[in-house]
Amino acid sequence: MSTRVVNTHEAKSRLSELIREAEAGVEVIVARNGHPVAKIVPWRPGRPARVAGAWAGRVGYRGDVVGSDAEIVDMFDESAEAGMP
């Protein structure tokens, strides 16, 4: 990505061109008296707002999804009996 630094007077005179450059991927820095003060960047639309309950009624499950698994319990008991940390 290339960078272009312009002074405020030039930025006022050529704003449309600088915006097109920013859209094309050029980093455009506006400087006053040689010191950077602003950056022209392309607009990136935000993500849509999340809505609580948007998936209600769309997702189903079968069986117990939070209960313990007998195989896991057996493995835990075996490791506890073996004295493993």
Protein backbone atom coordinates (compact mmCIF):
# COMPACT_ATOMS: atom_id res chain seq x y z
CA MET A 1 0.00 0.00 0.00
CA SER A 2 1.39 3.38 -0.94
CA THR A 3 1.16 6.52 1.16
CA ARG A 4 0.56 10.04 -0.02
CA VAL A 5 1.05 13.10 2.20
CA VAL A 6 -0.62 16.36 1.16
CA ASN A 7 -0.85 19.74 2.85
CA THR A 8 -4.22 21.18 3.89
CA HIS A 9 -4.38 23.65 0.99
CA GLU A 10 -3.81 20.89 -1.56
CA ALA A 11 -6.33 18.67 0.22
CA LYS A 12 -9.00 21.38 -0.03
CA SER A 13 -8.27 21.93 -3.70
CA ARG A 14 -8.15 18.25 -4.69
CA LEU A 15 -10.46 16.53 -2.22
CA SER A 16 -12.41 14.50 -4.82
CA GLU A 17 -9.21 13.13 -6.32
CA LEU A 18 -7.79 12.27 -2.89
CA ILE A 19 -11.00 10.43 -1.97
CA ARG A 20 -10.74 8.35 -5.17
CA GLU A 21 -7.14 7.51 -4.28
CA ALA A 22 -8.16 6.43 -0.78
CA GLU A 23 -10.88 4.21 -2.27
CA ALA A 24 -8.21 2.65 -4.50
CA GLY A 25 -6.11 1.74 -1.45
CA VAL A 26 -3.70 4.68 -1.20
CA GLU A 27 -3.15 5.91 2.35
CA VAL A 28 -3.79 9.66 2.17
CA ILE A 29 -2.38 11.74 5.04
CA VAL A 30 -3.30 15.43 5.41
CA ALA A 31 -0.57 17.52 7.05
CA ARG A 32 -0.45 21.03 8.46
CA ASN A 33 3.00 22.66 8.51
CA GLY A 34 4.55 19.27 7.75
CA HIS A 35 2.87 17.49 10.69
CA PRO A 36 0.23 14.82 10.00
CA VAL A 37 -3.20 15.82 11.35
CA ALA A 38 -5.72 13.61 9.51
CA LYS A 39 -6.09 10.54 7.34
CA ILE A 40 -8.54 10.03 4.48
CA VAL A 41 -9.79 6.45 4.49
CA PRO A 42 -12.51 4.67 2.50
CA TRP A 43 -15.84 4.05 4.21
CA ARG A 44 -16.37 0.49 5.42
CA PRO A 45 -20.00 -0.31 6.21
CA GLY A 46 -20.52 -1.64 9.72
CA ARG A 47 -21.89 -5.03 10.57
CA PRO A 48 -25.64 -5.22 11.04
CA ALA A 49 -26.85 -4.94 14.63
CA ARG A 50 -27.28 -8.23 16.43
CA VAL A 51 -30.81 -9.02 17.55
CA ALA A 52 -31.38 -11.17 20.61
CA GLY A 53 -33.51 -14.20 19.81
CA ALA A 54 -32.99 -14.01 16.05
CA TRP A 55 -32.38 -17.80 15.91
CA ALA A 56 -35.33 -18.69 18.16
CA GLY A 57 -37.20 -21.65 16.73
CA ARG A 58 -34.57 -22.28 14.05
CA VAL A 59 -32.17 -24.46 16.00
CA GLY A 60 -33.12 -27.80 17.48
CA TYR A 61 -31.34 -30.41 19.54
CA ARG A 62 -32.00 -33.94 20.69
CA GLY A 63 -31.15 -35.52 23.96
CA ASP A 64 -29.31 -34.09 26.93
CA VAL A 65 -26.71 -31.55 25.78
CA VAL A 66 -25.47 -30.62 29.26
CA GLY A 67 -25.46 -33.95 31.08
CA SER A 68 -22.35 -36.01 31.75
CA ASP A 69 -21.05 -38.65 29.37
CA ALA A 70 -20.57 -42.07 30.99
CA GLU A 71 -17.33 -42.68 29.09
CA ILE A 72 -15.85 -39.36 30.28
CA VAL A 73 -16.91 -40.07 33.88
CA ASP A 74 -15.22 -43.49 33.71
CA MET A 75 -11.99 -41.93 32.35
CA PHE A 76 -12.05 -39.33 35.14
CA ASP A 77 -12.59 -41.99 37.81
CA GLU A 78 -9.73 -44.10 36.40
CA SER A 79 -7.33 -41.15 36.44
CA ALA A 80 -8.36 -40.22 39.99
CA GLU A 81 -7.75 -43.79 41.19
CA ALA A 82 -4.36 -43.89 39.45
CA GLY A 83 -3.34 -40.75 41.35
CA MET A 84 -2.72 -38.67 38.24
CA PRO A 85 -2.56 -34.93 38.79
